């Protein structure tokens, strides 16, 4: 497989956060949309790495990884966001293409 430094993914966000209670009412908090230049944790296979969102449109996102990752196109990934000092699962995706290390 190739080694990627940047990934283009198609993603799906959960409707509500897991494991987070909102104050007052008992419903879990909604997941906010991905914003440009926010930091996510990306789990690819068994590897966890940081990633910064470079661009977002509809259900596609471009993520610049902090460490290069050896993976394949079509691989499933998990996306987590930092919420009150804990990483919370916010969605998942599939790798469409990426920028490889030469």
PDB file of N, CA and C in Angstrom:
ATOM      1  N   UNK A   1       0.826  -1.217   0.000  1.00  0.00           N
ATOM      2  CA  UNK A   1       0.000   0.000   0.000  1.00  0.00           C
ATOM      3  C   UNK A   1       0.861   1.270   0.000  1.00  0.00           C
ATOM      4  N   UNK A   2       0.271   2.366  -0.403  1.00  0.00           N
ATOM      5  CA  UNK A   2       0.999   3.639  -0.442  1.00  0.00           C
ATOM      6  C   UNK A   2       0.992   4.327   0.911  1.00  0.00           C
ATOM      7  N   UNK A   3       1.890   5.313   1.036  1.00  0.00           N
ATOM      8  CA  UNK A   3       1.967   6.117   2.259  1.00  0.00           C
ATOM      9  C   UNK A   3       1.414   7.500   1.931  1.00  0.00           C
ATOM     10  N   UNK A   4       0.408   7.908   2.690  1.00  0.00           N
ATOM     11  CA  UNK A   4      -0.298   9.158   2.417  1.00  0.00           C
ATOM     12  C   UNK A   4      -0.011  10.216   3.483  1.00  0.00           C
ATOM     13  N   UNK A   5       0.085  11.479   3.034  1.00  0.00           N
ATOM     14  CA  UNK A   5       0.231  12.595   3.968  1.00  0.00           C
ATOM     15  C   UNK A   5      -1.051  13.430   4.005  1.00  0.00           C
ATOM     16  N   UNK A   6      -1.891  13.243   2.985  1.00  0.00           N
ATOM     17  CA  UNK A   6      -3.139  13.994   2.889  1.00  0.00           C
ATOM     18  C   UNK A   6      -4.194  13.063   2.312  1.00  0.00           C
ATOM     19  N   UNK A   7      -5.396  13.100   2.888  1.00  0.00           N
ATOM     20  CA  UNK A   7      -6.450  12.200   2.435  1.00  0.00           C
ATOM     21  C   UNK A   7      -7.681  12.975   2.002  1.00  0.00           C
ATOM     22  N   UNK A   8      -8.319  12.488   0.965  1.00  0.00           N
ATOM     23  CA  UNK A   8      -9.622  13.017   0.579  1.00  0.00           C
ATOM     24  C   UNK A   8     -10.620  11.912   0.914  1.00  0.00           C
ATOM     25  N   UNK A   9     -11.601  12.232   1.755  1.00  0.00           N
ATOM     26  CA  UNK A   9     -12.527  11.213   2.237  1.00  0.00           C
ATOM     27  C   UNK A   9     -13.969  11.608   1.959  1.00  0.00           C
ATOM     28  N   UNK A  10     -14.825  10.599   1.837  1.00  0.00           N
ATOM     29  CA  UNK A  10     -16.261  10.850   1.894  1.00  0.00           C
ATOM     30  C   UNK A  10     -16.664  10.420   3.297  1.00  0.00           C
ATOM     31  N   UNK A  11     -17.395  11.268   3.993  1.00  0.00           N
ATOM     32  CA  UNK A  11     -17.656  10.986   5.404  1.00  0.00           C
ATOM     33  C   UNK A  11     -19.140  11.072   5.738  1.00  0.00           C
ATOM     34  N   UNK A  12     -19.467  10.490   6.882  1.00  0.00           N
ATOM     35  CA  UNK A  12     -20.824  10.546   7.415  1.00  0.00           C
ATOM     36  C   UNK A  12     -20.714  10.910   8.895  1.00  0.00           C
ATOM     37  N   UNK A  13     -21.434  11.941   9.321  1.00  0.00           N
ATOM     38  CA  UNK A  13     -21.392  12.339  10.732  1.00  0.00           C
ATOM     39  C   UNK A  13     -22.580  11.752  11.482  1.00  0.00           C
ATOM     40  N   UNK A  14     -22.343  11.369  12.732  1.00  0.00           N
ATOM     41  CA  UNK A  14     -23.426  10.886  13.587  1.00  0.00           C
ATOM     42  C   UNK A  14     -24.392  12.033  13.870  1.00  0.00           C
ATOM     43  N   UNK A  15     -25.650  11.708  14.142  1.00  0.00           N
ATOM     44  CA  UNK A  15     -26.615  12.766  14.451  1.00  0.00           C
ATOM     45  C   UNK A  15     -26.387  13.323  15.849  1.00  0.00           C
ATOM     46  N   UNK A  16     -26.059  12.438  16.807  1.00  0.00           N
ATOM     47  CA  UNK A  16     -25.834  12.877  18.187  1.00  0.00           C
ATOM     48  C   UNK A  16     -24.512  12.328  18.708  1.00  0.00           C
ATOM     49  N   UNK A  17     -23.963  13.031  19.693  1.00  0.00           N
ATOM     50  CA  UNK A  17     -22.706  12.590  20.302  1.00  0.00           C
ATOM     51  C   UNK A  17     -22.933  11.380  21.201  1.00  0.00           C
ATOM     52  N   UNK A  18     -21.951  10.516  21.244  1.00  0.00           N
ATOM     53  CA  UNK A  18     -22.016   9.354  22.129  1.00  0.00           C
ATOM     54  C   UNK A  18     -21.357   9.693  23.468  1.00  0.00           C
ATOM     55  N   UNK A  19     -21.977   9.269  24.552  1.00  0.00           N
ATOM     56  CA  UNK A  19     -21.350   9.403  25.868  1.00  0.00           C
ATOM     57  C   UNK A  19     -21.271  10.805  26.426  1.00  0.00           C
ATOM     58  N   UNK A  20     -22.043  11.732  25.888  1.00  0.00           N
ATOM     59  CA  UNK A  20     -22.029  13.106  26.396  1.00  0.00           C
ATOM     60  C   UNK A  20     -23.457  13.497  26.758  1.00  0.00           C
ATOM     61  N   UNK A  21     -23.683  13.840  28.002  1.00  0.00           N
ATOM     62  CA  UNK A  21     -24.998  14.325  28.440  1.00  0.00           C
ATOM     63  C   UNK A  21     -25.004  15.849  28.381  1.00  0.00           C
ATOM     64  N   UNK A  22     -26.046  16.405  27.844  1.00  0.00           N
ATOM     65  CA  UNK A  22     -26.166  17.868  27.878  1.00  0.00           C
ATOM     66  C   UNK A  22     -26.838  18.246  29.194  1.00  0.00           C
ATOM     67  N   UNK A  23     -26.570  19.447  29.656  1.00  0.00           N
ATOM     68  CA  UNK A  23     -27.145  19.918  30.924  1.00  0.00           C
ATOM     69  C   UNK A  23     -28.656  20.055  30.772  1.00  0.00           C
ATOM     70  N   UNK A  24     -29.386  19.769  31.835  1.00  0.00           N
ATOM     71  CA  UNK A  24     -30.839  19.940  31.793  1.00  0.00           C
ATOM     72  C   UNK A  24     -31.542  18.787  31.121  1.00  0.00           C
ATOM     73  N   UNK A  25     -31.816  18.937  29.822  1.00  0.00           N
ATOM     74  CA  UNK A  25     -32.560  17.855  29.143  1.00  0.00           C
ATOM     75  C   UNK A  25     -31.669  16.616  28.952  1.00  0.00           C
ATOM     76  N   UNK A  26     -32.298  15.489  28.766  1.00  0.00           N
ATOM     77  CA  UNK A  26     -31.568  14.222  28.759  1.00  0.00           C
ATOM     78  C   UNK A  26     -31.053  13.811  27.382  1.00  0.00           C
ATOM     79  N   UNK A  27     -31.336  14.624  26.358  1.00  0.00           N
ATOM     80  CA  UNK A  27     -30.883  14.265  25.015  1.00  0.00           C
ATOM     81  C   UNK A  27     -29.395  14.553  24.851  1.00  0.00           C
ATOM     82  N   UNK A  28     -28.733  13.730  24.065  1.00  0.00           N
ATOM     83  CA  UNK A  28     -27.310  13.944  23.792  1.00  0.00           C
ATOM     84  C   UNK A  28     -27.144  15.145  22.847  1.00  0.00           C
ATOM     85  N   UNK A  29     -25.948  15.758  22.893  1.00  0.00           N
ATOM     86  CA  UNK A  29     -25.683  16.937  22.070  1.00  0.00           C
ATOM     87  C   UNK A  29     -25.587  16.556  20.593  1.00  0.00           C
ATOM     88  N   UNK A  30     -25.962  17.508  19.740  1.00  0.00           N
ATOM     89  CA  UNK A  30     -25.860  17.296  18.303  1.00  0.00           C
ATOM     90  C   UNK A  30     -24.393  17.387  17.861  1.00  0.00           C
ATOM     91  N   UNK A  31     -24.058  16.680  16.797  1.00  0.00           N
ATOM     92  CA  UNK A  31     -22.714  16.774  16.217  1.00  0.00           C
ATOM     93  C   UNK A  31     -22.697  17.960  15.253  1.00  0.00           C
ATOM     94  N   UNK A  32     -21.737  18.872  15.455  1.00  0.00           N
ATOM     95  CA  UNK A  32     -21.607  20.029  14.564  1.00  0.00           C
ATOM     96  C   UNK A  32     -20.924  19.599  13.261  1.00  0.00           C
ATOM     97  N   UNK A  33     -21.145  20.367  12.190  1.00  0.00           N
ATOM     98  CA  UNK A  33     -20.496  20.063  10.915  1.00  0.00           C
ATOM     99  C   UNK A  33     -18.983  20.270  11.032  1.00  0.00           C
ATOM    100  N   UNK A  34     -18.244  19.647  10.132  1.00  0.00           N
ATOM    101  CA  UNK A  34     -16.794  19.842  10.103  1.00  0.00           C
ATOM    102  C   UNK A  34     -16.499  21.276   9.666  1.00  0.00           C
ATOM    103  N   UNK A  35     -15.535  21.895  10.332  1.00  0.00           N
ATOM    104  CA  UNK A  35     -15.142  23.252   9.934  1.00  0.00           C
ATOM    105  C   UNK A  35     -13.705  23.235   9.438  1.00  0.00           C
ATOM    106  N   UNK A  36     -13.393  24.195   8.593  1.00  0.00           N
ATOM    107  CA  UNK A  36     -12.057  24.275   8.021  1.00  0.00           C
ATOM    108  C   UNK A  36     -11.022  24.511   9.118  1.00  0.00           C
ATOM    109  N   UNK A  37      -9.882  23.857   9.015  1.00  0.00           N
ATOM    110  CA  UNK A  37      -8.720  23.969   9.921  1.00  0.00           C
ATOM    111  C   UNK A  37      -8.984  23.508  11.354  1.00  0.00           C
ATOM    112  N   UNK A  38     -10.052  22.732  11.585  1.00  0.00           N
ATOM    113  CA  UNK A  38     -10.225  22.144  12.915  1.00  0.00           C
ATOM    114  C   UNK A  38      -9.414  20.853  12.988  1.00  0.00           C
ATOM    115  N   UNK A  39      -9.011  20.480  14.201  1.00  0.00           N
ATOM    116  CA  UNK A  39      -8.184  19.294  14.387  1.00  0.00           C
ATOM    117  C   UNK A  39      -9.060  18.112  14.797  1.00  0.00           C
ATOM    118  N   UNK A  40      -8.898  17.015  14.082  1.00  0.00           N
ATOM    119  CA  UNK A  40      -9.634  15.786  14.374  1.00  0.00           C
ATOM    120  C   UNK A  40      -8.639  14.680  14.683  1.00  0.00           C
ATOM    121  N   UNK A  41      -9.118  13.616  15.331  1.00  0.00           N
ATOM    122  CA  UNK A  41      -8.323  12.409  15.425  1.00  0.00           C
ATOM    123  C   UNK A  41      -8.885  11.441  14.399  1.00  0.00           C
ATOM    124  N   UNK A  42      -7.994  10.895  13.582  1.00  0.00           N
ATOM    125  CA  UNK A  42      -8.384   9.997  12.514  1.00  0.00           C
ATOM    126  C   UNK A  42      -7.865   8.605  12.841  1.00  0.00           C
ATOM    127  N   UNK A  43      -8.759   7.618  12.900  1.00  0.00           N
ATOM    128  CA  UNK A  43      -8.350   6.233  13.116  1.00  0.00           C
ATOM    129  C   UNK A  43      -8.453   5.494  11.791  1.00  0.00           C
ATOM    130  N   UNK A  44      -7.297   4.977  11.338  1.00  0.00           N
ATOM    131  CA  UNK A  44      -7.256   4.234  10.085  1.00  0.00           C
ATOM    132  C   UNK A  44      -6.703   2.853  10.423  1.00  0.00           C
ATOM    133  N   UNK A  45      -7.528   1.836  10.287  1.00  0.00           N
ATOM    134  CA  UNK A  45      -7.096   0.502  10.696  1.00  0.00           C
ATOM    135  C   UNK A  45      -6.811   0.526  12.188  1.00  0.00           C
ATOM    136  N   UNK A  46      -5.569   0.197  12.557  1.00  0.00           N
ATOM    137  CA  UNK A  46      -5.217   0.184  13.981  1.00  0.00           C
ATOM    138  C   UNK A  46      -4.480   1.456  14.391  1.00  0.00           C
ATOM    139  N   UNK A  47      -4.273   2.377  13.449  1.00  0.00           N
ATOM    140  CA  UNK A  47      -3.454   3.551  13.730  1.00  0.00           C
ATOM    141  C   UNK A  47      -4.297   4.794  14.009  1.00  0.00           C
ATOM    142  N   UNK A  48      -3.941   5.523  15.063  1.00  0.00           N
ATOM    143  CA  UNK A  48      -4.604   6.800  15.376  1.00  0.00           C
ATOM    144  C   UNK A  48      -3.633   7.929  15.087  1.00  0.00           C
ATOM    145  N   UNK A  49      -4.082   8.904  14.353  1.00  0.00           N
ATOM    146  CA  UNK A  49      -3.232  10.060  14.068  1.00  0.00           C
ATOM    147  C   UNK A  49      -4.081  11.322  14.049  1.00  0.00           C
ATOM    148  N   UNK A  50      -3.427  12.460  14.231  1.00  0.00           N
ATOM    149  CA  UNK A  50      -4.122  13.741  14.165  1.00  0.00           C
ATOM    150  C   UNK A  50      -4.279  14.156  12.721  1.00  0.00           C
ATOM    151  N   UNK A  51      -5.298  14.966  12.473  1.00  0.00           N
ATOM    152  CA  UNK A  51      -5.496  15.490  11.125  1.00  0.00           C
ATOM    153  C   UNK A  51      -6.160  16.842  11.183  1.00  0.00           C
ATOM    154  N   UNK A  52      -5.779  17.714  10.254  1.00  0.00           N
ATOM    155  CA  UNK A  52      -6.388  19.034  10.177  1.00  0.00           C
ATOM    156  C   UNK A  52      -7.244  19.103   8.927  1.00  0.00           C
ATOM    157  N   UNK A  53      -8.485  19.568   9.088  1.00  0.00           N
ATOM    158  CA  UNK A  53      -9.397  19.667   7.948  1.00  0.00           C
ATOM    159  C   UNK A  53      -8.927  20.817   7.055  1.00  0.00           C
ATOM    160  N   UNK A  54      -8.648  20.504   5.797  1.00  0.00           N
ATOM    161  CA  UNK A  54      -8.158  21.512   4.855  1.00  0.00           C
ATOM    162  C   UNK A  54      -9.325  22.100   4.068  1.00  0.00           C
ATOM    163  N   UNK A  55     -10.245  21.233   3.643  1.00  0.00           N
ATOM    164  CA  UNK A  55     -11.400  21.694   2.870  1.00  0.00           C
ATOM    165  C   UNK A  55     -12.584  20.770   3.119  1.00  0.00           C
ATOM    166  N   UNK A  56     -13.788  21.353   3.056  1.00  0.00           N
ATOM    167  CA  UNK A  56     -15.014  20.569   3.249  1.00  0.00           C
ATOM    168  C   UNK A  56     -16.016  20.969   2.177  1.00  0.00           C
ATOM    169  N   UNK A  57     -16.633  19.981   1.534  1.00  0.00           N
ATOM    170  CA  UNK A  57     -17.808  20.288   0.715  1.00  0.00           C
ATOM    171  C   UNK A  57     -18.762  19.094   0.719  1.00  0.00           C
ATOM    172  N   UNK A  58     -20.022  19.358   1.068  1.00  0.00           N
ATOM    173  CA  UNK A  58     -21.076  18.334   1.187  1.00  0.00           C
ATOM    174  C   UNK A  58     -20.596  17.172   2.044  1.00  0.00           C
ATOM    175  N   UNK A  59     -20.435  15.990   1.444  1.00  0.00           N
ATOM    176  CA  UNK A  59     -19.987  14.846   2.254  1.00  0.00           C
ATOM    177  C   UNK A  59     -18.539  14.486   1.953  1.00  0.00           C
ATOM    178  N   UNK A  60     -17.786  15.427   1.366  1.00  0.00           N
ATOM    179  CA  UNK A  60     -16.361  15.200   1.093  1.00  0.00           C
ATOM    180  C   UNK A  60     -15.516  16.130   1.951  1.00  0.00           C
ATOM    181  N   UNK A  61     -14.373  15.617   2.408  1.00  0.00           N
ATOM    182  CA  UNK A  61     -13.450  16.445   3.179  1.00  0.00           C
ATOM    183  C   UNK A  61     -12.022  16.099   2.796  1.00  0.00           C
ATOM    184  N   UNK A  62     -11.149  17.092   2.895  1.00  0.00           N
ATOM    185  CA  UNK A  62      -9.725  16.871   2.664  1.00  0.00           C
ATOM    186  C   UNK A  62      -9.024  17.064   3.998  1.00  0.00           C
ATOM    187  N   UNK A  63      -8.250  16.070   4.412  1.00  0.00           N
ATOM    188  CA  UNK A  63      -7.605  16.101   5.723  1.00  0.00           C
ATOM    189  C   UNK A  63      -6.099  15.959   5.560  1.00  0.00           C
ATOM    190  N   UNK A  64      -5.351  16.913   6.144  1.00  0.00           N
ATOM    191  CA  UNK A  64      -3.895  16.828   6.180  1.00  0.00           C
ATOM    192  C   UNK A  64      -3.488  16.110   7.460  1.00  0.00           C
ATOM    193  N   UNK A  65      -2.760  15.022   7.327  1.00  0.00           N
ATOM    194  CA  UNK A  65      -2.402  14.202   8.485  1.00  0.00           C
ATOM    195  C   UNK A  65      -1.125  14.710   9.151  1.00  0.00           C
ATOM    196  N   UNK A  66      -1.057  14.573  10.489  1.00  0.00           N
ATOM    197  CA  UNK A  66       0.150  15.016  11.200  1.00  0.00           C
ATOM    198  C   UNK A  66       1.295  14.027  10.993  1.00  0.00           C
ATOM    199  N   UNK A  67       0.980  12.741  10.896  1.00  0.00           N
ATOM    200  CA  UNK A  67       2.002  11.736  10.581  1.00  0.00           C
ATOM    201  C   UNK A  67       1.554  10.980   9.333  1.00  0.00           C
ATOM    202  N   UNK A  68       2.477  10.641   8.443  1.00  0.00           N
ATOM    203  CA  UNK A  68       2.098   9.895   7.245  1.00  0.00           C
ATOM    204  C   UNK A  68       1.516   8.530   7.622  1.00  0.00           C
ATOM    205  N   UNK A  69       0.572   8.057   6.826  1.00  0.00           N
ATOM    206  CA  UNK A  69      -0.131   6.809   7.120  1.00  0.00           C
ATOM    207  C   UNK A  69      -0.059   5.875   5.920  1.00  0.00           C
ATOM    208  N   UNK A  70       0.251   4.610   6.199  1.00  0.00           N
ATOM    209  CA  UNK A  70       0.271   3.595   5.157  1.00  0.00           C
ATOM    210  C   UNK A  70      -1.117   2.962   5.085  1.00  0.00           C
ATOM    211  N   UNK A  71      -1.836   3.209   4.007  1.00  0.00           N
ATOM    212  CA  UNK A  71      -3.204   2.715   3.888  1.00  0.00           C
ATOM    213  C   UNK A  71      -3.584   2.575   2.417  1.00  0.00           C
ATOM    214  N   UNK A  72      -4.807   2.164   2.163  1.00  0.00           N
ATOM    215  CA  UNK A  72      -5.264   1.992   0.793  1.00  0.00           C
ATOM    216  C   UNK A  72      -6.547   2.785   0.543  1.00  0.00           C
ATOM    217  N   UNK A  73      -6.787   3.121  -0.718  1.00  0.00           N
ATOM    218  CA  UNK A  73      -8.032   3.785  -1.102  1.00  0.00           C
ATOM    219  C   UNK A  73      -9.175   2.802  -0.868  1.00  0.00           C
ATOM    220  N   UNK A  74     -10.284   3.309  -0.319  1.00  0.00           N
ATOM    221  CA  UNK A  74     -11.424   2.447  -0.015  1.00  0.00           C
ATOM    222  C   UNK A  74     -11.443   1.990   1.431  1.00  0.00           C
ATOM    223  N   UNK A  75     -10.342   2.238   2.161  1.00  0.00           N
ATOM    224  CA  UNK A  75     -10.248   1.868   3.579  1.00  0.00           C
ATOM    225  C   UNK A  75     -11.221   2.722   4.402  1.00  0.00           C
ATOM    226  N   UNK A  76     -11.834   2.110   5.399  1.00  0.00           N
ATOM    227  CA  UNK A  76     -12.756   2.834   6.290  1.00  0.00           C
ATOM    228  C   UNK A  76     -11.950   3.537   7.381  1.00  0.00           C
ATOM    229  N   UNK A  77     -12.413   4.725   7.778  1.00  0.00           N
ATOM    230  CA  UNK A  77     -11.752   5.467   8.851  1.00  0.00           C
ATOM    231  C   UNK A  77     -12.787   5.983   9.847  1.00  0.00           C
ATOM    232  N   UNK A  78     -12.331   6.250  11.059  1.00  0.00           N
ATOM    233  CA  UNK A  78     -13.197   6.829  12.094  1.00  0.00           C
ATOM    234  C   UNK A  78     -12.715   8.238  12.411  1.00  0.00           C
ATOM    235  N   UNK A  79     -13.656   9.154  12.645  1.00  0.00           N
ATOM    236  CA  UNK A  79     -13.326  10.553  12.944  1.00  0.00           C
ATOM    237  C   UNK A  79     -13.761  10.888  14.364  1.00  0.00           C
ATOM    238  N   UNK A  80     -12.844  11.473  15.136  1.00  0.00           N
ATOM    239  CA  UNK A  80     -13.164  11.886  16.507  1.00  0.00           C
ATOM    240  C   UNK A  80     -12.805  13.344  16.700  1.00  0.00           C
ATOM    241  N   UNK A  81     -13.572  14.009  17.562  1.00  0.00           N
ATOM    242  CA  UNK A  81     -13.364  15.428  17.843  1.00  0.00           C
ATOM    243  C   UNK A  81     -13.140  15.599  19.339  1.00  0.00           C
ATOM    244  N   UNK A  82     -12.362  16.623  19.707  1.00  0.00           N
ATOM    245  CA  UNK A  82     -12.062  16.896  21.106  1.00  0.00           C
ATOM    246  C   UNK A  82     -13.235  17.648  21.723  1.00  0.00           C
ATOM    247  N   UNK A  83     -13.919  17.003  22.682  1.00  0.00           N
ATOM    248  CA  UNK A  83     -15.057  17.630  23.349  1.00  0.00           C
ATOM    249  C   UNK A  83     -14.855  17.504  24.855  1.00  0.00           C
ATOM    250  N   UNK A  84     -14.768  18.631  25.561  1.00  0.00           N
ATOM    251  CA  UNK A  84     -14.445  18.678  26.999  1.00  0.00           C
ATOM    252  C   UNK A  84     -13.262  17.769  27.342  1.00  0.00           C
ATOM    253  N   UNK A  85     -12.147  17.964  26.687  1.00  0.00           N
ATOM    254  CA  UNK A  85     -10.900  17.237  26.958  1.00  0.00           C
ATOM    255  C   UNK A  85     -10.961  15.731  26.691  1.00  0.00           C
ATOM    256  N   UNK A  86     -11.995  15.274  25.997  1.00  0.00           N
ATOM    257  CA  UNK A  86     -12.059  13.857  25.625  1.00  0.00           C
ATOM    258  C   UNK A  86     -12.277  13.751  24.130  1.00  0.00           C
ATOM    259  N   UNK A  87     -11.682  12.741  23.510  1.00  0.00           N
ATOM    260  CA  UNK A  87     -11.934  12.494  22.097  1.00  0.00           C
ATOM    261  C   UNK A  87     -13.256  11.749  21.986  1.00  0.00           C
ATOM    262  N   UNK A  88     -14.188  12.296  21.225  1.00  0.00           N
ATOM    263  CA  UNK A  88     -15.494  11.672  21.047  1.00  0.00           C
ATOM    264  C   UNK A  88     -15.700  11.322  19.579  1.00  0.00           C
ATOM    265  N   UNK A  89     -16.214  10.117  19.343  1.00  0.00           N
ATOM    266  CA  UNK A  89     -16.511   9.689  17.982  1.00  0.00           C
ATOM    267  C   UNK A  89     -17.593  10.591  17.393  1.00  0.00           C
ATOM    268  N   UNK A  90     -17.329  11.170  16.222  1.00  0.00           N
ATOM    269  CA  UNK A  90     -18.335  12.026  15.584  1.00  0.00           C
ATOM    270  C   UNK A  90     -18.787  11.478  14.241  1.00  0.00           C
ATOM    271  N   UNK A  91     -18.041  10.533  13.691  1.00  0.00           N
ATOM    272  CA  UNK A  91     -18.453   9.992  12.407  1.00  0.00           C
ATOM    273  C   UNK A  91     -17.425   9.042  11.828  1.00  0.00           C
ATOM    274  N   UNK A  92     -17.695   8.614  10.597  1.00  0.00           N
ATOM    275  CA  UNK A  92     -16.765   7.718   9.926  1.00  0.00           C
ATOM    276  C   UNK A  92     -16.709   8.098   8.459  1.00  0.00           C
ATOM    277  N   UNK A  93     -15.788   7.481   7.741  1.00  0.00           N
ATOM    278  CA  UNK A  93     -15.658   7.809   6.334  1.00  0.00           C
ATOM    279  C   UNK A  93     -14.904   6.739   5.584  1.00  0.00           C
ATOM    280  N   UNK A  94     -14.696   7.021   4.309  1.00  0.00           N
ATOM    281  CA  UNK A  94     -13.974   6.109   3.448  1.00  0.00           C
ATOM    282  C   UNK A  94     -12.995   6.931   2.623  1.00  0.00           C
ATOM    283  N   UNK A  95     -11.778   6.403   2.468  1.00  0.00           N
ATOM    284  CA  UNK A  95     -10.755   7.127   1.722  1.00  0.00           C
ATOM    285  C   UNK A  95     -11.089   7.072   0.234  1.00  0.00           C
ATOM    286  N   UNK A  96     -11.137   8.242  -0.403  1.00  0.00           N
ATOM    287  CA  UNK A  96     -11.398   8.322  -1.844  1.00  0.00           C
ATOM    288  C   UNK A  96     -10.074   8.384  -2.610  1.00  0.00           C
ATOM    289  N   UNK A  97      -9.214   9.311  -2.201  1.00  0.00           N
ATOM    290  CA  UNK A  97      -7.875   9.411  -2.784  1.00  0.00           C
ATOM    291  C   UNK A  97      -7.001  10.214  -1.844  1.00  0.00           C
ATOM    292  N   UNK A  98      -5.733  10.383  -2.198  1.00  0.00           N
ATOM    293  CA  UNK A  98      -4.845  11.112  -1.301  1.00  0.00           C
ATOM    294  C   UNK A  98      -3.557  11.501  -1.986  1.00  0.00           C
ATOM    295  N   UNK A  99      -2.723  12.240  -1.234  1.00  0.00           N
ATOM    296  CA  UNK A  99      -1.411  12.648  -1.737  1.00  0.00           C
ATOM    297  C   UNK A  99      -0.380  11.725  -1.115  1.00  0.00           C
ATOM    298  N   UNK A 100       0.371  11.020  -1.965  1.00  0.00           N
ATOM    299  CA  UNK A 100       1.336  10.029  -1.461  1.00  0.00           C
ATOM    300  C   UNK A 100       2.714  10.660  -1.269  1.00  0.00           C
ATOM    301  N   UNK A 101       3.514   9.979  -0.436  1.00  0.00           N
ATOM    302  CA  UNK A 101       4.902  10.382  -0.237  1.00  0.00           C
ATOM    303  C   UNK A 101       5.686   9.828  -1.438  1.00  0.00           C
ATOM    304  N   UNK A 102       6.478  10.673  -2.045  1.00  0.00           N
ATOM    305  CA  UNK A 102       7.261  10.221  -3.211  1.00  0.00           C
ATOM    306  C   UNK A 102       8.456   9.411  -2.754  1.00  0.00           C
TER     307      UNK A 102
END
